[in-house]
PDB file of N, CA and C in Angstrom:
ATOM      1  N   MET A   1      -9.877  21.632  15.383  1.00  0.00           N
ATOM      2  CA  MET A   1      -9.875  21.489  13.950  1.00  0.00           C
ATOM      3  C   MET A   1     -10.196  22.835  13.314  1.00  0.00           C
ATOM      4  N   ALA A   2      -9.458  23.131  12.295  1.00  0.00           N
ATOM      5  CA  ALA A   2      -9.655  24.409  11.618  1.00  0.00           C
ATOM      6  C   ALA A   2     -10.901  24.354  10.745  1.00  0.00           C
ATOM      7  N   ASN A   3     -11.467  25.514  10.521  1.00  0.00           N
ATOM      8  CA  ASN A   3     -12.628  25.581   9.635  1.00  0.00           C
ATOM      9  C   ASN A   3     -12.169  25.682   8.197  1.00  0.00           C
ATOM     10  N   GLY A   4     -12.860  24.978   7.313  1.00  0.00           N
ATOM     11  CA  GLY A   4     -12.545  25.028   5.895  1.00  0.00           C
ATOM     12  C   GLY A   4     -13.133  26.269   5.245  1.00  0.00           C
ATOM     13  N   LYS A   5     -12.908  26.394   3.952  1.00  0.00           N
ATOM     14  CA  LYS A   5     -13.398  27.556   3.201  1.00  0.00           C
ATOM     15  C   LYS A   5     -14.917  27.651   3.214  1.00  0.00           C
ATOM     16  N   ASP A   6     -15.586  26.506   3.245  1.00  0.00           N
ATOM     17  CA  ASP A   6     -17.044  26.497   3.219  1.00  0.00           C
ATOM     18  C   ASP A   6     -17.654  26.506   4.621  1.00  0.00           C
ATOM     19  N   GLY A   7     -16.840  26.711   5.639  1.00  0.00           N
ATOM     20  CA  GLY A   7     -17.343  26.757   7.005  1.00  0.00           C
ATOM     21  C   GLY A   7     -17.352  25.399   7.686  1.00  0.00           C
ATOM     22  N   GLY A   8     -17.053  24.334   6.948  1.00  0.00           N
ATOM     23  CA  GLY A   8     -17.022  23.000   7.541  1.00  0.00           C
ATOM     24  C   GLY A   8     -15.676  22.725   8.179  1.00  0.00           C
ATOM     25  N   LYS A   9     -15.579  21.586   8.811  1.00  0.00           N
ATOM     26  CA  LYS A   9     -14.335  21.203   9.465  1.00  0.00           C
ATOM     27  C   LYS A   9     -13.315  20.731   8.434  1.00  0.00           C
ATOM     28  N   THR A  10     -12.060  21.018   8.692  1.00  0.00           N
ATOM     29  CA  THR A  10     -10.959  20.502   7.890  1.00  0.00           C
ATOM     30  C   THR A  10     -10.225  19.478   8.743  1.00  0.00           C
ATOM     31  N   TYR A  11     -10.172  18.264   8.299  1.00  0.00           N
ATOM     32  CA  TYR A  11      -9.542  17.197   9.050  1.00  0.00           C
ATOM     33  C   TYR A  11      -8.049  17.132   8.725  1.00  0.00           C
ATOM     34  N   TRP A  12      -7.296  16.456   9.570  1.00  0.00           N
ATOM     35  CA  TRP A  12      -5.846  16.460   9.418  1.00  0.00           C
ATOM     36  C   TRP A  12      -5.395  15.811   8.118  1.00  0.00           C
ATOM     37  N   LEU A  13      -6.158  14.899   7.565  1.00  0.00           N
ATOM     38  CA  LEU A  13      -5.777  14.286   6.288  1.00  0.00           C
ATOM     39  C   LEU A  13      -5.913  15.253   5.118  1.00  0.00           C
ATOM     40  N   GLU A  14      -6.720  16.280   5.285  1.00  0.00           N
ATOM     41  CA  GLU A  14      -6.933  17.248   4.207  1.00  0.00           C
ATOM     42  C   GLU A  14      -5.897  18.360   4.218  1.00  0.00           C
ATOM     43  N   ARG A  15      -5.140  18.485   5.290  1.00  0.00           N
ATOM     44  CA  ARG A  15      -4.141  19.548   5.384  1.00  0.00           C
ATOM     45  C   ARG A  15      -2.961  19.253   4.463  1.00  0.00           C
ATOM     46  N   PRO A  16      -2.353  20.302   3.905  1.00  0.00           N
ATOM     47  CA  PRO A  16      -1.164  20.099   3.065  1.00  0.00           C
ATOM     48  C   PRO A  16      -0.043  19.451   3.879  1.00  0.00           C
ATOM     49  N   GLY A  17       0.606  18.483   3.294  1.00  0.00           N
ATOM     50  CA  GLY A  17       1.722  17.809   3.956  1.00  0.00           C
ATOM     51  C   GLY A  17       1.337  16.567   4.727  1.00  0.00           C
ATOM     52  N   SER A  18       0.060  16.324   4.936  1.00  0.00           N
ATOM     53  CA  SER A  18      -0.356  15.135   5.702  1.00  0.00           C
ATOM     54  C   SER A  18      -0.024  13.850   4.962  1.00  0.00           C
ATOM     55  N   ALA A  19      -0.209  13.841   3.663  1.00  0.00           N
ATOM     56  CA  ALA A  19       0.103  12.638   2.878  1.00  0.00           C
ATOM     57  C   ALA A  19       1.594  12.338   2.938  1.00  0.00           C
ATOM     58  N   ASP A  20       2.426  13.387   2.917  1.00  0.00           N
ATOM     59  CA  ASP A  20       3.870  13.186   3.027  1.00  0.00           C
ATOM     60  C   ASP A  20       4.243  12.585   4.376  1.00  0.00           C
ATOM     61  N   LYS A  21       3.599  13.035   5.427  1.00  0.00           N
ATOM     62  CA  LYS A  21       3.870  12.498   6.766  1.00  0.00           C
ATOM     63  C   LYS A  21       3.513  11.016   6.832  1.00  0.00           C
ATOM     64  N   ILE A  22       2.368  10.662   6.283  1.00  0.00           N
ATOM     65  CA  ILE A  22       1.946   9.254   6.274  1.00  0.00           C
ATOM     66  C   ILE A  22       2.936   8.414   5.483  1.00  0.00           C
ATOM     67  N   TRP A  23       3.369   8.933   4.332  1.00  0.00           N
ATOM     68  CA  TRP A  23       4.325   8.235   3.473  1.00  0.00           C
ATOM     69  C   TRP A  23       5.614   7.950   4.248  1.00  0.00           C
ATOM     70  N   TRP A  24       6.148   8.966   4.942  1.00  0.00           N
ATOM     71  CA  TRP A  24       7.394   8.783   5.680  1.00  0.00           C
ATOM     72  C   TRP A  24       7.220   7.848   6.875  1.00  0.00           C
ATOM     73  N   VAL A  25       6.102   7.899   7.549  1.00  0.00           N
ATOM     74  CA  VAL A  25       5.853   6.983   8.658  1.00  0.00           C
ATOM     75  C   VAL A  25       5.821   5.538   8.152  1.00  0.00           C
ATOM     76  N   LEU A  26       5.192   5.309   7.017  1.00  0.00           N
ATOM     77  CA  LEU A  26       5.145   3.958   6.448  1.00  0.00           C
ATOM     78  C   LEU A  26       6.525   3.475   6.014  1.00  0.00           C
ATOM     79  N   ILE A  27       7.325   4.361   5.423  1.00  0.00           N
ATOM     80  CA  ILE A  27       8.683   3.981   5.015  1.00  0.00           C
ATOM     81  C   ILE A  27       9.523   3.621   6.242  1.00  0.00           C
ATOM     82  N   ILE A  28       9.449   4.451   7.281  1.00  0.00           N
ATOM     83  CA  ILE A  28      10.213   4.181   8.504  1.00  0.00           C
ATOM     84  C   ILE A  28       9.760   2.879   9.150  1.00  0.00           C
ATOM     85  N   LEU A  29       8.462   2.634   9.173  1.00  0.00           N
ATOM     86  CA  LEU A  29       7.939   1.393   9.732  1.00  0.00           C
ATOM     87  C   LEU A  29       8.440   0.178   8.951  1.00  0.00           C
ATOM     88  N   CYS A  30       8.434   0.272   7.634  1.00  0.00           N
ATOM     89  CA  CYS A  30       8.923  -0.841   6.808  1.00  0.00           C
ATOM     90  C   CYS A  30      10.406  -1.098   7.042  1.00  0.00           C
ATOM     91  N   VAL A  31      11.197  -0.034   7.143  1.00  0.00           N
ATOM     92  CA  VAL A  31      12.634  -0.191   7.403  1.00  0.00           C
ATOM     93  C   VAL A  31      12.860  -0.824   8.774  1.00  0.00           C
ATOM     94  N   LEU A  32      12.141  -0.367   9.784  1.00  0.00           N
ATOM     95  CA  LEU A  32      12.295  -0.940  11.123  1.00  0.00           C
ATOM     96  C   LEU A  32      11.904  -2.411  11.169  1.00  0.00           C
ATOM     97  N   LEU A  33      10.834  -2.762  10.482  1.00  0.00           N
ATOM     98  CA  LEU A  33      10.417  -4.164  10.467  1.00  0.00           C
ATOM     99  C   LEU A  33      11.416  -5.035   9.715  1.00  0.00           C
ATOM    100  N   THR A  34      12.029  -4.479   8.671  1.00  0.00           N
ATOM    101  CA  THR A  34      13.058  -5.232   7.947  1.00  0.00           C
ATOM    102  C   THR A  34      14.302  -5.386   8.810  1.00  0.00           C
ATOM    103  N   LEU A  35      14.670  -4.345   9.542  1.00  0.00           N
ATOM    104  CA  LEU A  35      15.820  -4.442  10.452  1.00  0.00           C
ATOM    105  C   LEU A  35      15.555  -5.420  11.592  1.00  0.00           C
ATOM    106  N   ALA A  36      14.314  -5.582  11.978  1.00  0.00           N
ATOM    107  CA  ALA A  36      13.965  -6.542  13.034  1.00  0.00           C
ATOM    108  C   ALA A  36      14.268  -7.967  12.608  1.00  0.00           C
ATOM    109  N   ASP A  37      14.461  -8.151  11.312  1.00  0.00           N
ATOM    110  CA  ASP A  37      14.794  -9.469  10.786  1.00  0.00           C
ATOM    111  C   ASP A  37      16.139  -9.970  11.329  1.00  0.00           C
ATOM    112  N   PHE A  38      17.005  -9.055  11.781  1.00  0.00           N
ATOM    113  CA  PHE A  38      18.307  -9.430  12.338  1.00  0.00           C
ATOM    114  C   PHE A  38      18.199  -9.905  13.784  1.00  0.00           C
ATOM    115  N   VAL A  39      17.126  -9.598  14.458  1.00  0.00           N
ATOM    116  CA  VAL A  39      17.029  -9.768  15.904  1.00  0.00           C
ATOM    117  C   VAL A  39      16.667 -11.190  16.335  1.00  0.00           C
ATOM    118  N   TYR A  40      15.879 -11.877  15.567  1.00  0.00           N
ATOM    119  CA  TYR A  40      15.383 -13.175  16.022  1.00  0.00           C
ATOM    120  C   TYR A  40      15.933 -14.318  15.174  1.00  0.00           C
ATOM    121  N   GLU A  41      15.892 -15.511  15.744  1.00  0.00           N
ATOM    122  CA  GLU A  41      16.360 -16.702  15.045  1.00  0.00           C
ATOM    123  C   GLU A  41      15.237 -17.237  14.160  1.00  0.00           C
ATOM    124  N   LYS A  42      15.579 -17.503  12.931  1.00  0.00           N
ATOM    125  CA  LYS A  42      14.575 -17.991  11.976  1.00  0.00           C
ATOM    126  C   LYS A  42      14.598 -19.512  11.927  1.00  0.00           C
ATOM    127  N   HIS A  43      13.439 -20.071  11.640  1.00  0.00           N
ATOM    128  CA  HIS A  43      13.302 -21.509  11.437  1.00  0.00           C
ATOM    129  C   HIS A  43      12.605 -21.721  10.096  1.00  0.00           C
ATOM    130  N   PRO A  44      13.318 -21.467   9.007  1.00  0.00           N
ATOM    131  CA  PRO A  44      12.676 -21.499   7.691  1.00  0.00           C
ATOM    132  C   PRO A  44      12.443 -22.918   7.173  1.00  0.00           C
ATOM    133  N   HIS A  45      11.454 -23.008   6.305  1.00  0.00           N
ATOM    134  CA  HIS A  45      11.200 -24.274   5.621  1.00  0.00           C
ATOM    135  C   HIS A  45      12.055 -24.371   4.372  1.00  0.00           C
ATOM    136  N   TYR A  46      12.323 -23.233   3.736  1.00  0.00           N
ATOM    137  CA  TYR A  46      13.106 -23.173   2.502  1.00  0.00           C
ATOM    138  C   TYR A  46      14.325 -22.285   2.709  1.00  0.00           C
ATOM    139  N   ALA A  47      15.382 -22.525   1.969  1.00  0.00           N
ATOM    140  CA  ALA A  47      16.635 -21.786   2.133  1.00  0.00           C
ATOM    141  C   ALA A  47      16.466 -20.299   1.828  1.00  0.00           C
ATOM    142  N   VAL A  48      15.603 -19.957   0.885  1.00  0.00           N
ATOM    143  CA  VAL A  48      15.427 -18.562   0.501  1.00  0.00           C
ATOM    144  C   VAL A  48      14.840 -17.734   1.638  1.00  0.00           C
ATOM    145  N   GLU A  49      14.137 -18.370   2.549  1.00  0.00           N
ATOM    146  CA  GLU A  49      13.544 -17.667   3.686  1.00  0.00           C
ATOM    147  C   GLU A  49      14.590 -17.202   4.697  1.00  0.00           C
ATOM    148  N   LYS A  50      15.811 -17.706   4.581  1.00  0.00           N
ATOM    149  CA  LYS A  50      16.890 -17.284   5.474  1.00  0.00           C
ATOM    150  C   LYS A  50      17.417 -15.898   5.122  1.00  0.00           C
ATOM    151  N   LEU A  51      17.180 -15.451   3.903  1.00  0.00           N
ATOM    152  CA  LEU A  51      17.690 -14.151   3.474  1.00  0.00           C
ATOM    153  C   LEU A  51      17.053 -13.021   4.271  1.00  0.00           C
ATOM    154  N   VAL A  52      17.884 -12.043   4.655  1.00  0.00           N
ATOM    155  CA  VAL A  52      17.384 -10.887   5.398  1.00  0.00           C
ATOM    156  C   VAL A  52      16.492 -10.058   4.481  1.00  0.00           C
ATOM    157  N   GLY A  53      15.307  -9.742   4.949  1.00  0.00           N
ATOM    158  CA  GLY A  53      14.382  -8.927   4.169  1.00  0.00           C
ATOM    159  C   GLY A  53      13.633  -9.688   3.097  1.00  0.00           C
ATOM    160  N   PHE A  54      13.674 -11.006   3.126  1.00  0.00           N
ATOM    161  CA  PHE A  54      12.988 -11.801   2.096  1.00  0.00           C
ATOM    162  C   PHE A  54      11.497 -11.490   2.054  1.00  0.00           C
ATOM    163  N   TYR A  55      10.868 -11.445   3.215  1.00  0.00           N
ATOM    164  CA  TYR A  55       9.429 -11.211   3.238  1.00  0.00           C
ATOM    165  C   TYR A  55       9.080  -9.781   2.847  1.00  0.00           C
ATOM    166  N   SER A  56       9.962  -8.835   3.116  1.00  0.00           N
ATOM    167  CA  SER A  56       9.736  -7.457   2.686  1.00  0.00           C
ATOM    168  C   SER A  56       9.752  -7.365   1.169  1.00  0.00           C
ATOM    169  N   VAL A  57      10.769  -7.969   0.571  1.00  0.00           N
ATOM    170  CA  VAL A  57      10.885  -7.940  -0.887  1.00  0.00           C
ATOM    171  C   VAL A  57       9.749  -8.725  -1.531  1.00  0.00           C
ATOM    172  N   ALA A  58       9.438  -9.882  -0.969  1.00  0.00           N
ATOM    173  CA  ALA A  58       8.345 -10.688  -1.514  1.00  0.00           C
ATOM    174  C   ALA A  58       7.024  -9.932  -1.439  1.00  0.00           C
ATOM    175  N   GLY A  59       6.781  -9.222  -0.339  1.00  0.00           N
ATOM    176  CA  GLY A  59       5.549  -8.441  -0.204  1.00  0.00           C
ATOM    177  C   GLY A  59       5.441  -7.352  -1.249  1.00  0.00           C
ATOM    178  N   ILE A  60       6.535  -6.643  -1.506  1.00  0.00           N
ATOM    179  CA  ILE A  60       6.528  -5.585  -2.521  1.00  0.00           C
ATOM    180  C   ILE A  60       6.303  -6.182  -3.904  1.00  0.00           C
ATOM    181  N   VAL A  61       7.015  -7.258  -4.215  1.00  0.00           N
ATOM    182  CA  VAL A  61       6.884  -7.882  -5.538  1.00  0.00           C
ATOM    183  C   VAL A  61       5.469  -8.383  -5.764  1.00  0.00           C
ATOM    184  N   PHE A  62       4.906  -9.073  -4.787  1.00  0.00           N
ATOM    185  CA  PHE A  62       3.555  -9.609  -4.961  1.00  0.00           C
ATOM    186  C   PHE A  62       2.500  -8.507  -5.009  1.00  0.00           C
ATOM    187  N   SER A  63       2.737  -7.407  -4.316  1.00  0.00           N
ATOM    188  CA  SER A  63       1.812  -6.270  -4.401  1.00  0.00           C
ATOM    189  C   SER A  63       1.824  -5.668  -5.806  1.00  0.00           C
ATOM    190  N   ILE A  64       3.010  -5.519  -6.361  1.00  0.00           N
ATOM    191  CA  ILE A  64       3.128  -4.983  -7.726  1.00  0.00           C
ATOM    192  C   ILE A  64       2.477  -5.933  -8.719  1.00  0.00           C
ATOM    193  N   VAL A  65       2.698  -7.228  -8.548  1.00  0.00           N
ATOM    194  CA  VAL A  65       2.077  -8.215  -9.438  1.00  0.00           C
ATOM    195  C   VAL A  65       0.552  -8.152  -9.327  1.00  0.00           C
ATOM    196  N   ALA A  66       0.028  -7.996  -8.122  1.00  0.00           N
ATOM    197  CA  ALA A  66      -1.422  -7.913  -7.931  1.00  0.00           C
ATOM    198  C   ALA A  66      -2.004  -6.695  -8.637  1.00  0.00           C
ATOM    199  N   VAL A  67      -1.309  -5.564  -8.563  1.00  0.00           N
ATOM    200  CA  VAL A  67      -1.785  -4.359  -9.253  1.00  0.00           C
ATOM    201  C   VAL A  67      -1.754  -4.564 -10.768  1.00  0.00           C
ATOM    202  N   LEU A  68      -0.696  -5.152 -11.283  1.00  0.00           N
ATOM    203  CA  LEU A  68      -0.600  -5.380 -12.727  1.00  0.00           C
ATOM    204  C   LEU A  68      -1.665  -6.366 -13.217  1.00  0.00           C
ATOM    205  N   VAL A  69      -1.929  -7.403 -12.428  1.00  0.00           N
ATOM    206  CA  VAL A  69      -2.989  -8.355 -12.791  1.00  0.00           C
ATOM    207  C   VAL A  69      -4.347  -7.654 -12.785  1.00  0.00           C
ATOM    208  N   ALA A  70      -4.583  -6.801 -11.795  1.00  0.00           N
ATOM    209  CA  ALA A  70      -5.846  -6.067 -11.721  1.00  0.00           C
ATOM    210  C   ALA A  70      -6.007  -5.133 -12.918  1.00  0.00           C
ATOM    211  N   LEU A  71      -4.925  -4.494 -13.341  1.00  0.00           N
ATOM    212  CA  LEU A  71      -5.001  -3.629 -14.524  1.00  0.00           C
ATOM    213  C   LEU A  71      -5.330  -4.448 -15.771  1.00  0.00           C
ATOM    214  N   GLY A  72      -4.763  -5.635 -15.870  1.00  0.00           N
ATOM    215  CA  GLY A  72      -5.064  -6.502 -17.003  1.00  0.00           C
ATOM    216  C   GLY A  72      -6.510  -6.980 -16.987  1.00  0.00           C
ATOM    217  N   LEU A  73      -7.011  -7.345 -15.812  1.00  0.00           N
ATOM    218  CA  LEU A  73      -8.403  -7.785 -15.689  1.00  0.00           C
ATOM    219  C   LEU A  73      -9.381  -6.661 -16.004  1.00  0.00           C
ATOM    220  N   ARG A  74      -8.970  -5.450 -15.727  1.00  0.00           N
ATOM    221  CA  ARG A  74      -9.837  -4.302 -15.993  1.00  0.00           C
ATOM    222  C   ARG A  74     -10.193  -4.212 -17.478  1.00  0.00           C
ATOM    223  N   ARG A  75      -9.263  -4.562 -18.316  1.00  0.00           N
ATOM    224  CA  ARG A  75      -9.531  -4.508 -19.766  1.00  0.00           C
ATOM    225  C   ARG A  75     -10.642  -5.474 -20.171  1.00  0.00           C
ATOM    226  N   PHE A  76     -10.708  -6.622 -19.491  1.00  0.00           N
ATOM    227  CA  PHE A  76     -11.722  -7.615 -19.825  1.00  0.00           C
ATOM    228  C   PHE A  76     -13.051  -7.362 -19.122  1.00  0.00           C
ATOM    229  N   LEU A  77     -13.008  -6.836 -17.924  1.00  0.00           N
ATOM    230  CA  LEU A  77     -14.211  -6.689 -17.111  1.00  0.00           C
ATOM    231  C   LEU A  77     -14.871  -5.317 -17.202  1.00  0.00           C
ATOM    232  N   MET A  78     -14.183  -4.334 -17.744  1.00  0.00           N
ATOM    233  CA  MET A  78     -14.697  -2.965 -17.801  1.00  0.00           C
ATOM    234  C   MET A  78     -15.906  -2.884 -18.725  1.00  0.00           C
ATOM    235  N   ARG A  79     -16.928  -2.203 -18.276  1.00  0.00           N
ATOM    236  CA  ARG A  79     -18.135  -1.969 -19.071  1.00  0.00           C
ATOM    237  C   ARG A  79     -18.324  -0.474 -19.245  1.00  0.00           C
ATOM    238  N   LYS A  80     -19.125  -0.118 -20.222  1.00  0.00           N
ATOM    239  CA  LYS A  80     -19.420   1.303 -20.432  1.00  0.00           C
ATOM    240  C   LYS A  80     -20.167   1.852 -19.225  1.00  0.00           C
ATOM    241  N   GLU A  81     -20.089   3.150 -19.066  1.00  0.00           N
ATOM    242  CA  GLU A  81     -20.719   3.810 -17.914  1.00  0.00           C
ATOM    243  C   GLU A  81     -22.223   3.560 -17.861  1.00  0.00           C
ATOM    244  N   ASP A  82     -22.871   3.501 -18.997  1.00  0.00           N
ATOM    245  CA  ASP A  82     -24.320   3.319 -19.048  1.00  0.00           C
ATOM    246  C   ASP A  82     -24.718   1.870 -19.325  1.00  0.00           C
ATOM    247  N   TYR A  83     -23.896   0.903 -18.945  1.00  0.00           N
ATOM    248  CA  TYR A  83     -24.123  -0.499 -19.227  1.00  0.00           C
ATOM    249  C   TYR A  83     -25.448  -1.000 -18.655  1.00  0.00           C
ATOM    250  N   TYR A  84     -25.801  -0.580 -17.446  1.00  0.00           N
ATOM    251  CA  TYR A  84     -27.012  -1.061 -16.797  1.00  0.00           C
ATOM    252  C   TYR A  84     -28.206  -0.144 -16.983  1.00  0.00           C
ATOM    253  N   ASP A  85     -28.044   0.956 -17.683  1.00  0.00           N
ATOM    254  CA  ASP A  85     -29.164   1.872 -17.919  1.00  0.00           C
ATOM    255  C   ASP A  85     -30.196   1.254 -18.835  1.00  0.00           C
ATOM    256  N   ASP A  86     -31.458   1.592 -18.589  1.00  0.00           N
ATOM    257  CA  ASP A  86     -32.528   1.123 -19.465  1.00  0.00           C
ATOM    258  C   ASP A  86     -32.489   1.930 -20.755  1.00  0.00           C
ATOM    259  N   ASP A  87     -32.686   1.254 -21.859  1.00  0.00           N
ATOM    260  CA  ASP A  87     -32.681   1.963 -23.158  1.00  0.00           C
ATOM    261  C   ASP A  87     -34.022   2.515 -23.488  1.00  0.00           C
TER     262      ASP A  87
END
């Protein structure tokens, strides 16, 4: 491990380009898992589950919905920084 500017260790996640590598590995993994949908026989309960990549698309959609719901809840649950400070 290389030494950082302050003499400490620099880990691989801190190096330039590491985030890009992780991003591409995740994209490739998602594509491979979606392509694996062609390999096995499905036994769906509903007709929509027969579609190739249904669970991939559903996962992305529900993740986006979860983030949007969390942003909406933040408006109601957010308190000032000094909310718990003694006056």
